[in-house]
Amino acid sequence: MASSKDYLEYVLDQLSSLDDISYRAMMGEYIIYYQGKIVGGIYDDRFLVKPTKSALDMMPDASRELPYEGAKEMLLVEDIDDRDFLKDLLNAMVDELPAPKKKK
């Protein structure tokens, strides 16, 4: 099931206090970038983030879910309505994420 554009717009609005948020559509779903790094995505109208140490510390009870068949587990962000939490979460995660790969 593809994610709705409305849910994407809601998540982007919740993240609007952060500079340098972007997204890319990918097979009906959306990859979310912060400062050029992939932090997670929207899959089946769920906001999932990579399971970094910071994300695990901030959401110790978060359920681990597959974004799609064959993918690595990600963490479900249930507190999507709390803008301050989302801002703190992405700011904590960004330094733990790998830099984007250089295009050849």
PDB file of N, CA and C in Angstrom:
ATOM      1  N   MET A   1       0.845  -1.186   0.000  1.00  0.00           N
ATOM      2  CA  MET A   1       0.000   0.000   0.000  1.00  0.00           C
ATOM      3  C   MET A   1       0.886   1.243   0.000  1.00  0.00           C
ATOM      4  N   ALA A   2       0.629   2.141  -0.877  1.00  0.00           N
ATOM      5  CA  ALA A   2       1.407   3.372  -0.957  1.00  0.00           C
ATOM      6  C   ALA A   2       0.948   4.370   0.110  1.00  0.00           C
ATOM      7  N   SER A   3       1.859   5.231   0.500  1.00  0.00           N
ATOM      8  CA  SER A   3       1.536   6.263   1.486  1.00  0.00           C
ATOM      9  C   SER A   3       0.822   7.420   0.801  1.00  0.00           C
ATOM     10  N   SER A   4      -0.022   8.096   1.557  1.00  0.00           N
ATOM     11  CA  SER A   4      -0.773   9.218   0.991  1.00  0.00           C
ATOM     12  C   SER A   4       0.066  10.493   1.018  1.00  0.00           C
ATOM     13  N   LYS A   5      -0.187  11.335   0.036  1.00  0.00           N
ATOM     14  CA  LYS A   5       0.475  12.640  -0.031  1.00  0.00           C
ATOM     15  C   LYS A   5       0.063  13.485   1.188  1.00  0.00           C
ATOM     16  N   ASP A   6      -1.164  13.304   1.657  1.00  0.00           N
ATOM     17  CA  ASP A   6      -1.636  14.055   2.837  1.00  0.00           C
ATOM     18  C   ASP A   6      -0.801  13.719   4.067  1.00  0.00           C
ATOM     19  N   TYR A   7      -0.485  12.431   4.266  1.00  0.00           N
ATOM     20  CA  TYR A   7       0.322  12.038   5.429  1.00  0.00           C
ATOM     21  C   TYR A   7       1.730  12.596   5.298  1.00  0.00           C
ATOM     22  N   LEU A   8       2.298  12.547   4.096  1.00  0.00           N
ATOM     23  CA  LEU A   8       3.619  13.144   3.866  1.00  0.00           C
ATOM     24  C   LEU A   8       3.598  14.622   4.241  1.00  0.00           C
ATOM     25  N   GLU A   9       2.604  15.345   3.762  1.00  0.00           N
ATOM     26  CA  GLU A   9       2.527  16.781   4.045  1.00  0.00           C
ATOM     27  C   GLU A   9       2.372  17.043   5.543  1.00  0.00           C
ATOM     28  N   TYR A  10       1.628  16.190   6.239  1.00  0.00           N
ATOM     29  CA  TYR A  10       1.479  16.348   7.687  1.00  0.00           C
ATOM     30  C   TYR A  10       2.823  16.163   8.388  1.00  0.00           C
ATOM     31  N   VAL A  11       3.554  15.114   8.036  1.00  0.00           N
ATOM     32  CA  VAL A  11       4.861  14.863   8.657  1.00  0.00           C
ATOM     33  C   VAL A  11       5.818  16.011   8.345  1.00  0.00           C
ATOM     34  N   LEU A  12       5.842  16.456   7.102  1.00  0.00           N
ATOM     35  CA  LEU A  12       6.728  17.569   6.739  1.00  0.00           C
ATOM     36  C   LEU A  12       6.360  18.829   7.511  1.00  0.00           C
ATOM     37  N   ASP A  13       5.080  19.066   7.724  1.00  0.00           N
ATOM     38  CA  ASP A  13       4.649  20.215   8.519  1.00  0.00           C
ATOM     39  C   ASP A  13       5.119  20.077   9.968  1.00  0.00           C
ATOM     40  N   GLN A  14       5.034  18.863  10.518  1.00  0.00           N
ATOM     41  CA  GLN A  14       5.496  18.620  11.883  1.00  0.00           C
ATOM     42  C   GLN A  14       7.007  18.846  12.008  1.00  0.00           C
ATOM     43  N   LEU A  15       7.743  18.638  10.918  1.00  0.00           N
ATOM     44  CA  LEU A  15       9.200  18.801  10.919  1.00  0.00           C
ATOM     45  C   LEU A  15       9.636  20.184  10.434  1.00  0.00           C
ATOM     46  N   SER A  16       8.685  21.083  10.213  1.00  0.00           N
ATOM     47  CA  SER A  16       8.984  22.369   9.571  1.00  0.00           C
ATOM     48  C   SER A  16       9.894  23.287  10.388  1.00  0.00           C
ATOM     49  N   SER A  17      10.069  23.033  11.675  1.00  0.00           N
ATOM     50  CA  SER A  17      10.973  23.881  12.465  1.00  0.00           C
ATOM     51  C   SER A  17      12.442  23.534  12.205  1.00  0.00           C
ATOM     52  N   LEU A  18      12.687  22.432  11.518  1.00  0.00           N
ATOM     53  CA  LEU A  18      14.054  22.022  11.177  1.00  0.00           C
ATOM     54  C   LEU A  18      14.425  22.547   9.798  1.00  0.00           C
ATOM     55  N   ASP A  19      15.627  23.094   9.690  1.00  0.00           N
ATOM     56  CA  ASP A  19      16.126  23.505   8.380  1.00  0.00           C
ATOM     57  C   ASP A  19      16.671  22.284   7.661  1.00  0.00           C
ATOM     58  N   ASP A  20      16.615  22.302   6.366  1.00  0.00           N
ATOM     59  CA  ASP A  20      17.242  21.260   5.539  1.00  0.00           C
ATOM     60  C   ASP A  20      16.559  19.903   5.613  1.00  0.00           C
ATOM     61  N   ILE A  21      15.223  19.913   5.717  1.00  0.00           N
ATOM     62  CA  ILE A  21      14.438  18.681   5.589  1.00  0.00           C
ATOM     63  C   ILE A  21      14.044  18.554   4.120  1.00  0.00           C
ATOM     64  N   SER A  22      14.206  17.373   3.572  1.00  0.00           N
ATOM     65  CA  SER A  22      13.772  17.132   2.206  1.00  0.00           C
ATOM     66  C   SER A  22      13.259  15.705   2.108  1.00  0.00           C
ATOM     67  N   TYR A  23      12.687  15.377   0.962  1.00  0.00           N
ATOM     68  CA  TYR A  23      12.180  14.023   0.770  1.00  0.00           C
ATOM     69  C   TYR A  23      12.316  13.637  -0.689  1.00  0.00           C
ATOM     70  N   ARG A  24      12.230  12.345  -0.927  1.00  0.00           N
ATOM     71  CA  ARG A  24      12.249  11.817  -2.286  1.00  0.00           C
ATOM     72  C   ARG A  24      11.193  10.717  -2.366  1.00  0.00           C
ATOM     73  N   ALA A  25      10.365  10.803  -3.387  1.00  0.00           N
ATOM     74  CA  ALA A  25       9.378   9.746  -3.613  1.00  0.00           C
ATOM     75  C   ALA A  25      10.102   8.508  -4.130  1.00  0.00           C
ATOM     76  N   MET A  26       9.705   7.345  -3.598  1.00  0.00           N
ATOM     77  CA  MET A  26      10.357   6.097  -3.986  1.00  0.00           C
ATOM     78  C   MET A  26       9.305   4.981  -3.987  1.00  0.00           C
ATOM     79  N   MET A  27       8.848   4.603  -5.156  1.00  0.00           N
ATOM     80  CA  MET A  27       7.901   3.488  -5.321  1.00  0.00           C
ATOM     81  C   MET A  27       6.659   3.639  -4.433  1.00  0.00           C
ATOM     82  N   GLY A  28       6.068   4.806  -4.424  1.00  0.00           N
ATOM     83  CA  GLY A  28       4.852   5.036  -3.661  1.00  0.00           C
ATOM     84  C   GLY A  28       5.073   5.388  -2.202  1.00  0.00           C
ATOM     85  N   GLU A  29       6.314   5.390  -1.787  1.00  0.00           N
ATOM     86  CA  GLU A  29       6.666   5.752  -0.411  1.00  0.00           C
ATOM     87  C   GLU A  29       7.586   6.971  -0.460  1.00  0.00           C
ATOM     88  N   TYR A  30       8.052   7.449   0.694  1.00  0.00           N
ATOM     89  CA  TYR A  30       8.856   8.667   0.748  1.00  0.00           C
ATOM     90  C   TYR A  30      10.040   8.496   1.682  1.00  0.00           C
ATOM     91  N   ILE A  31      11.228   8.791   1.170  1.00  0.00           N
ATOM     92  CA  ILE A  31      12.445   8.786   1.977  1.00  0.00           C
ATOM     93  C   ILE A  31      12.600  10.195   2.554  1.00  0.00           C
ATOM     94  N   ILE A  32      12.865  10.296   3.854  1.00  0.00           N
ATOM     95  CA  ILE A  32      13.029  11.597   4.519  1.00  0.00           C
ATOM     96  C   ILE A  32      14.512  11.838   4.785  1.00  0.00           C
ATOM     97  N   TYR A  33      14.975  13.021   4.380  1.00  0.00           N
ATOM     98  CA  TYR A  33      16.367  13.420   4.564  1.00  0.00           C
ATOM     99  C   TYR A  33      16.431  14.598   5.522  1.00  0.00           C
ATOM    100  N   TYR A  34      17.469  14.610   6.349  1.00  0.00           N
ATOM    101  CA  TYR A  34      17.763  15.758   7.208  1.00  0.00           C
ATOM    102  C   TYR A  34      19.241  16.044   7.064  1.00  0.00           C
ATOM    103  N   GLN A  35      19.553  17.267   6.684  1.00  0.00           N
ATOM    104  CA  GLN A  35      20.930  17.688   6.421  1.00  0.00           C
ATOM    105  C   GLN A  35      21.592  16.747   5.411  1.00  0.00           C
ATOM    106  N   GLY A  36      20.819  16.312   4.434  1.00  0.00           N
ATOM    107  CA  GLY A  36      21.337  15.464   3.370  1.00  0.00           C
ATOM    108  C   GLY A  36      21.480  13.996   3.730  1.00  0.00           C
ATOM    109  N   LYS A  37      21.147  13.624   4.964  1.00  0.00           N
ATOM    110  CA  LYS A  37      21.280  12.241   5.419  1.00  0.00           C
ATOM    111  C   LYS A  37      19.902  11.596   5.529  1.00  0.00           C
ATOM    112  N   ILE A  38      19.811  10.326   5.190  1.00  0.00           N
ATOM    113  CA  ILE A  38      18.546   9.613   5.313  1.00  0.00           C
ATOM    114  C   ILE A  38      18.289   9.310   6.793  1.00  0.00           C
ATOM    115  N   VAL A  39      17.206   9.873   7.331  1.00  0.00           N
ATOM    116  CA  VAL A  39      16.843   9.614   8.726  1.00  0.00           C
ATOM    117  C   VAL A  39      15.752   8.563   8.829  1.00  0.00           C
ATOM    118  N   GLY A  40      14.993   8.407   7.770  1.00  0.00           N
ATOM    119  CA  GLY A  40      13.901   7.442   7.788  1.00  0.00           C
ATOM    120  C   GLY A  40      13.019   7.647   6.587  1.00  0.00           C
ATOM    121  N   GLY A  41      11.740   7.356   6.780  1.00  0.00           N
ATOM    122  CA  GLY A  41      10.828   7.502   5.667  1.00  0.00           C
ATOM    123  C   GLY A  41       9.391   7.276   6.087  1.00  0.00           C
ATOM    124  N   ILE A  42       8.526   7.452   5.119  1.00  0.00           N
ATOM    125  CA  ILE A  42       7.106   7.218   5.320  1.00  0.00           C
ATOM    126  C   ILE A  42       6.743   5.999   4.485  1.00  0.00           C
ATOM    127  N   TYR A  43       6.280   4.973   5.170  1.00  0.00           N
ATOM    128  CA  TYR A  43       5.935   3.698   4.550  1.00  0.00           C
ATOM    129  C   TYR A  43       4.552   3.293   5.033  1.00  0.00           C
ATOM    130  N   ASP A  44       3.627   3.085   4.117  1.00  0.00           N
ATOM    131  CA  ASP A  44       2.259   2.702   4.475  1.00  0.00           C
ATOM    132  C   ASP A  44       1.675   3.652   5.521  1.00  0.00           C
ATOM    133  N   ASP A  45       1.888   4.936   5.310  1.00  0.00           N
ATOM    134  CA  ASP A  45       1.409   5.976   6.225  1.00  0.00           C
ATOM    135  C   ASP A  45       1.899   5.785   7.659  1.00  0.00           C
ATOM    136  N   ARG A  46       3.150   5.337   7.791  1.00  0.00           N
ATOM    137  CA  ARG A  46       3.835   5.246   9.089  1.00  0.00           C
ATOM    138  C   ARG A  46       5.154   5.983   8.943  1.00  0.00           C
ATOM    139  N   PHE A  47       5.516   6.791   9.949  1.00  0.00           N
ATOM    140  CA  PHE A  47       6.811   7.469   9.953  1.00  0.00           C
ATOM    141  C   PHE A  47       7.786   6.560  10.694  1.00  0.00           C
ATOM    142  N   LEU A  48       8.746   6.017   9.954  1.00  0.00           N
ATOM    143  CA  LEU A  48       9.754   5.119  10.511  1.00  0.00           C
ATOM    144  C   LEU A  48      11.116   5.794  10.432  1.00  0.00           C
ATOM    145  N   VAL A  49      11.939   5.602  11.475  1.00  0.00           N
ATOM    146  CA  VAL A  49      13.294   6.157  11.485  1.00  0.00           C
ATOM    147  C   VAL A  49      14.308   5.039  11.686  1.00  0.00           C
ATOM    148  N   LYS A  50      15.528   5.338  11.290  1.00  0.00           N
ATOM    149  CA  LYS A  50      16.606   4.368  11.459  1.00  0.00           C
ATOM    150  C   LYS A  50      16.853   4.138  12.956  1.00  0.00           C
ATOM    151  N   PRO A  51      17.193   2.927  13.329  1.00  0.00           N
ATOM    152  CA  PRO A  51      17.395   2.611  14.753  1.00  0.00           C
ATOM    153  C   PRO A  51      18.789   2.996  15.253  1.00  0.00           C
ATOM    154  N   THR A  52      19.068   4.290  15.288  1.00  0.00           N
ATOM    155  CA  THR A  52      20.345   4.760  15.817  1.00  0.00           C
ATOM    156  C   THR A  52      20.315   4.659  17.342  1.00  0.00           C
ATOM    157  N   LYS A  53      21.477   4.798  17.956  1.00  0.00           N
ATOM    158  CA  LYS A  53      21.546   4.753  19.423  1.00  0.00           C
ATOM    159  C   LYS A  53      20.652   5.833  20.037  1.00  0.00           C
ATOM    160  N   SER A  54      20.718   7.030  19.497  1.00  0.00           N
ATOM    161  CA  SER A  54      19.897   8.130  20.019  1.00  0.00           C
ATOM    162  C   SER A  54      18.411   7.834  19.903  1.00  0.00           C
ATOM    163  N   ALA A  55      18.004   7.316  18.745  1.00  0.00           N
ATOM    164  CA  ALA A  55      16.587   7.010  18.542  1.00  0.00           C
ATOM    165  C   ALA A  55      16.133   5.929  19.522  1.00  0.00           C
ATOM    166  N   LEU A  56      16.969   4.923  19.718  1.00  0.00           N
ATOM    167  CA  LEU A  56      16.640   3.862  20.670  1.00  0.00           C
ATOM    168  C   LEU A  56      16.569   4.402  22.101  1.00  0.00           C
ATOM    169  N   ASP A  57      17.485   5.321  22.447  1.00  0.00           N
ATOM    170  CA  ASP A  57      17.465   5.927  23.782  1.00  0.00           C
ATOM    171  C   ASP A  57      16.210   6.767  23.996  1.00  0.00           C
ATOM    172  N   MET A  58      15.795   7.492  22.957  1.00  0.00           N
ATOM    173  CA  MET A  58      14.643   8.389  23.085  1.00  0.00           C
ATOM    174  C   MET A  58      13.309   7.660  22.964  1.00  0.00           C
ATOM    175  N   MET A  59      13.318   6.496  22.308  1.00  0.00           N
ATOM    176  CA  MET A  59      12.086   5.725  22.125  1.00  0.00           C
ATOM    177  C   MET A  59      12.346   4.256  22.485  1.00  0.00           C
ATOM    178  N   PRO A  60      12.650   3.986  23.755  1.00  0.00           N
ATOM    179  CA  PRO A  60      13.027   2.618  24.141  1.00  0.00           C
ATOM    180  C   PRO A  60      11.932   1.582  23.917  1.00  0.00           C
ATOM    181  N   ASP A  61      10.686   2.011  23.896  1.00  0.00           N
ATOM    182  CA  ASP A  61       9.581   1.072  23.721  1.00  0.00           C
ATOM    183  C   ASP A  61       9.004   1.081  22.304  1.00  0.00           C
ATOM    184  N   ALA A  62       9.672   1.766  21.390  1.00  0.00           N
ATOM    185  CA  ALA A  62       9.161   1.855  20.013  1.00  0.00           C
ATOM    186  C   ALA A  62       9.141   0.476  19.362  1.00  0.00           C
ATOM    187  N   SER A  63       8.099   0.243  18.611  1.00  0.00           N
ATOM    188  CA  SER A  63       8.037  -1.045  17.920  1.00  0.00           C
ATOM    189  C   SER A  63       8.950  -1.005  16.694  1.00  0.00           C
ATOM    190  N   ARG A  64       9.576  -2.141  16.432  1.00  0.00           N
ATOM    191  CA  ARG A  64      10.442  -2.283  15.268  1.00  0.00           C
ATOM    192  C   ARG A  64       9.588  -2.845  14.145  1.00  0.00           C
ATOM    193  N   GLU A  65       9.625  -2.156  13.023  1.00  0.00           N
ATOM    194  CA  GLU A  65       8.779  -2.559  11.907  1.00  0.00           C
ATOM    195  C   GLU A  65       9.577  -2.549  10.612  1.00  0.00           C
ATOM    196  N   LEU A  66       9.116  -3.368   9.681  1.00  0.00           N
ATOM    197  CA  LEU A  66       9.743  -3.417   8.364  1.00  0.00           C
ATOM    198  C   LEU A  66       9.074  -2.388   7.462  1.00  0.00           C
ATOM    199  N   PRO A  67       9.869  -1.530   6.826  1.00  0.00           N
ATOM    200  CA  PRO A  67       9.257  -0.564   5.910  1.00  0.00           C
ATOM    201  C   PRO A  67       8.663  -1.259   4.681  1.00  0.00           C
ATOM    202  N   TYR A  68       9.324  -2.334   4.260  1.00  0.00           N
ATOM    203  CA  TYR A  68       8.847  -3.131   3.129  1.00  0.00           C
ATOM    204  C   TYR A  68       9.530  -4.491   3.205  1.00  0.00           C
ATOM    205  N   GLU A  69       9.012  -5.444   2.478  1.00  0.00           N
ATOM    206  CA  GLU A  69       9.536  -6.811   2.502  1.00  0.00           C
ATOM    207  C   GLU A  69      11.020  -6.831   2.150  1.00  0.00           C
ATOM    208  N   GLY A  70      11.831  -7.475   2.988  1.00  0.00           N
ATOM    209  CA  GLY A  70      13.257  -7.616   2.724  1.00  0.00           C
ATOM    210  C   GLY A  70      14.122  -6.478   3.252  1.00  0.00           C
ATOM    211  N   ALA A  71      13.512  -5.462   3.854  1.00  0.00           N
ATOM    212  CA  ALA A  71      14.265  -4.319   4.378  1.00  0.00           C
ATOM    213  C   ALA A  71      14.702  -4.567   5.817  1.00  0.00           C
ATOM    214  N   LYS A  72      15.611  -3.738   6.287  1.00  0.00           N
ATOM    215  CA  LYS A  72      16.015  -3.787   7.693  1.00  0.00           C
ATOM    216  C   LYS A  72      14.931  -3.131   8.545  1.00  0.00           C
ATOM    217  N   GLU A  73      14.852  -3.595   9.790  1.00  0.00           N
ATOM    218  CA  GLU A  73      13.871  -3.030  10.710  1.00  0.00           C
ATOM    219  C   GLU A  73      14.166  -1.566  10.999  1.00  0.00           C
ATOM    220  N   MET A  74      13.092  -0.820  11.187  1.00  0.00           N
ATOM    221  CA  MET A  74      13.181   0.581  11.563  1.00  0.00           C
ATOM    222  C   MET A  74      12.267   0.791  12.773  1.00  0.00           C
ATOM    223  N   LEU A  75      12.364   1.953  13.380  1.00  0.00           N
ATOM    224  CA  LEU A  75      11.559   2.274  14.561  1.00  0.00           C
ATOM    225  C   LEU A  75      10.340   3.098  14.169  1.00  0.00           C
ATOM    226  N   LEU A  76       9.181   2.691  14.668  1.00  0.00           N
ATOM    227  CA  LEU A  76       7.953   3.431  14.421  1.00  0.00           C
ATOM    228  C   LEU A  76       7.884   4.631  15.360  1.00  0.00           C
ATOM    229  N   VAL A  77       7.712   5.816  14.784  1.00  0.00           N
ATOM    230  CA  VAL A  77       7.547   7.030  15.587  1.00  0.00           C
ATOM    231  C   VAL A  77       6.056   7.195  15.835  1.00  0.00           C
ATOM    232  N   GLU A  78       5.647   6.938  17.061  1.00  0.00           N
ATOM    233  CA  GLU A  78       4.220   7.032  17.398  1.00  0.00           C
ATOM    234  C   GLU A  78       3.831   8.442  17.834  1.00  0.00           C
ATOM    235  N   ASP A  79       4.774   9.197  18.386  1.00  0.00           N
ATOM    236  CA  ASP A  79       4.486  10.537  18.905  1.00  0.00           C
ATOM    237  C   ASP A  79       4.649  11.576  17.797  1.00  0.00           C
ATOM    238  N   ILE A  80       3.958  11.348  16.690  1.00  0.00           N
ATOM    239  CA  ILE A  80       4.102  12.188  15.505  1.00  0.00           C
ATOM    240  C   ILE A  80       3.500  13.584  15.702  1.00  0.00           C
ATOM    241  N   ASP A  81       2.653  13.758  16.706  1.00  0.00           N
ATOM    242  CA  ASP A  81       2.018  15.052  16.937  1.00  0.00           C
ATOM    243  C   ASP A  81       2.871  16.005  17.764  1.00  0.00           C
ATOM    244  N   ASP A  82       3.956  15.526  18.347  1.00  0.00           N
ATOM    245  CA  ASP A  82       4.808  16.332  19.223  1.00  0.00           C
ATOM    246  C   ASP A  82       5.988  16.900  18.425  1.00  0.00           C
ATOM    247  N   ARG A  83       5.830  18.127  17.961  1.00  0.00           N
ATOM    248  CA  ARG A  83       6.870  18.769  17.122  1.00  0.00           C
ATOM    249  C   ARG A  83       8.218  18.874  17.839  1.00  0.00           C
ATOM    250  N   ASP A  84       8.190  19.219  19.126  1.00  0.00           N
ATOM    251  CA  ASP A  84       9.448  19.368  19.870  1.00  0.00           C
ATOM    252  C   ASP A  84      10.172  18.032  19.970  1.00  0.00           C
ATOM    253  N   PHE A  85       9.422  16.958  20.211  1.00  0.00           N
ATOM    254  CA  PHE A  85      10.031  15.631  20.274  1.00  0.00           C
ATOM    255  C   PHE A  85      10.655  15.268  18.926  1.00  0.00           C
ATOM    256  N   LEU A  86       9.943  15.512  17.845  1.00  0.00           N
ATOM    257  CA  LEU A  86      10.466  15.183  16.508  1.00  0.00           C
ATOM    258  C   LEU A  86      11.741  15.973  16.209  1.00  0.00           C
ATOM    259  N   LYS A  87      11.740  17.239  16.584  1.00  0.00           N
ATOM    260  CA  LYS A  87      12.925  18.073  16.370  1.00  0.00           C
ATOM    261  C   LYS A  87      14.106  17.526  17.172  1.00  0.00           C
ATOM    262  N   ASP A  88      13.884  17.214  18.438  1.00  0.00           N
ATOM    263  CA  ASP A  88      14.950  16.668  19.280  1.00  0.00           C
ATOM    264  C   ASP A  88      15.428  15.317  18.753  1.00  0.00           C
ATOM    265  N   LEU A  89      14.492  14.489  18.305  1.00  0.00           N
ATOM    266  CA  LEU A  89      14.835  13.166  17.787  1.00  0.00           C
ATOM    267  C   LEU A  89      15.752  13.267  16.567  1.00  0.00           C
ATOM    268  N   LEU A  90      15.358  14.056  15.592  1.00  0.00           N
ATOM    269  CA  LEU A  90      16.173  14.153  14.373  1.00  0.00           C
ATOM    270  C   LEU A  90      17.510  14.826  14.639  1.00  0.00           C
ATOM    271  N   ASN A  91      17.521  15.841  15.520  1.00  0.00           N
ATOM    272  CA  ASN A  91      18.790  16.483  15.870  1.00  0.00           C
ATOM    273  C   ASN A  91      19.731  15.517  16.578  1.00  0.00           C
ATOM    274  N   ALA A  92      19.191  14.649  17.410  1.00  0.00           N
ATOM    275  CA  ALA A  92      20.022  13.665  18.112  1.00  0.00           C
ATOM    276  C   ALA A  92      20.546  12.610  17.142  1.00  0.00           C
ATOM    277  N   MET A  93      19.739  12.235  16.165  1.00  0.00           N
ATOM    278  CA  MET A  93      20.098  11.164  15.232  1.00  0.00           C
ATOM    279  C   MET A  93      21.116  11.574  14.176  1.00  0.00           C
ATOM    280  N   VAL A  94      21.063  12.812  13.727  1.00  0.00           N
ATOM    281  CA  VAL A  94      21.765  13.195  12.499  1.00  0.00           C
ATOM    282  C   VAL A  94      23.278  12.950  12.551  1.00  0.00           C
ATOM    283  N   ASP A  95      23.899  13.172  13.683  1.00  0.00           N
ATOM    284  CA  ASP A  95      25.350  12.979  13.764  1.00  0.00           C
ATOM    285  C   ASP A  95      25.750  11.507  13.752  1.00  0.00           C
ATOM    286  N   GLU A  96      24.812  10.618  14.047  1.00  0.00           N
ATOM    287  CA  GLU A  96      25.102   9.184  14.056  1.00  0.00           C
ATOM    288  C   GLU A  96      24.906   8.535  12.687  1.00  0.00           C
ATOM    289  N   LEU A  97      24.344   9.263  11.775  1.00  0.00           N
ATOM    290  CA  LEU A  97      24.049   8.712  10.450  1.00  0.00           C
ATOM    291  C   LEU A  97      25.209   8.915   9.490  1.00  0.00           C
ATOM    292  N   PRO A  98      25.394   7.981   8.563  1.00  0.00           N
ATOM    293  CA  PRO A  98      26.497   8.123   7.605  1.00  0.00           C
ATOM    294  C   PRO A  98      26.261   9.273   6.636  1.00  0.00           C
ATOM    295  N   ALA A  99      27.360   9.847   6.183  1.00  0.00           N
ATOM    296  CA  ALA A  99      27.274  10.905   5.180  1.00  0.00           C
ATOM    297  C   ALA A  99      26.764  10.299   3.873  1.00  0.00           C
ATOM    298  N   PRO A 100      26.089  11.112   3.074  1.00  0.00           N
ATOM    299  CA  PRO A 100      25.612  10.578   1.798  1.00  0.00           C
ATOM    300  C   PRO A 100      26.783  10.127   0.929  1.00  0.00           C
ATOM    301  N   LYS A 101      26.537   9.086   0.157  1.00  0.00           N
ATOM    302  CA  LYS A 101      27.595   8.577  -0.739  1.00  0.00           C
ATOM    303  C   LYS A 101      27.772   9.542  -1.896  1.00  0.00           C
ATOM    304  N   LYS A 102      29.017   9.715  -2.297  1.00  0.00           N
ATOM    305  CA  LYS A 102      29.340  10.580  -3.438  1.00  0.00           C
ATOM    306  C   LYS A 102      28.896   9.905  -4.722  1.00  0.00           C
ATOM    307  N   LYS A 103      28.281  10.669  -5.596  1.00  0.00           N
ATOM    308  CA  LYS A 103      27.881  10.136  -6.892  1.00  0.00           C
ATOM    309  C   LYS A 103      29.068  10.159  -7.832  1.00  0.00           C
ATOM    310  N   LYS A 104      29.197   9.091  -8.590  1.00  0.00           N
ATOM    311  CA  LYS A 104      30.335   8.988  -9.511  1.00  0.00           C
ATOM    312  C   LYS A 104      30.004   9.615 -10.848  1.00  0.00           C
TER     313      LYS A 104
END
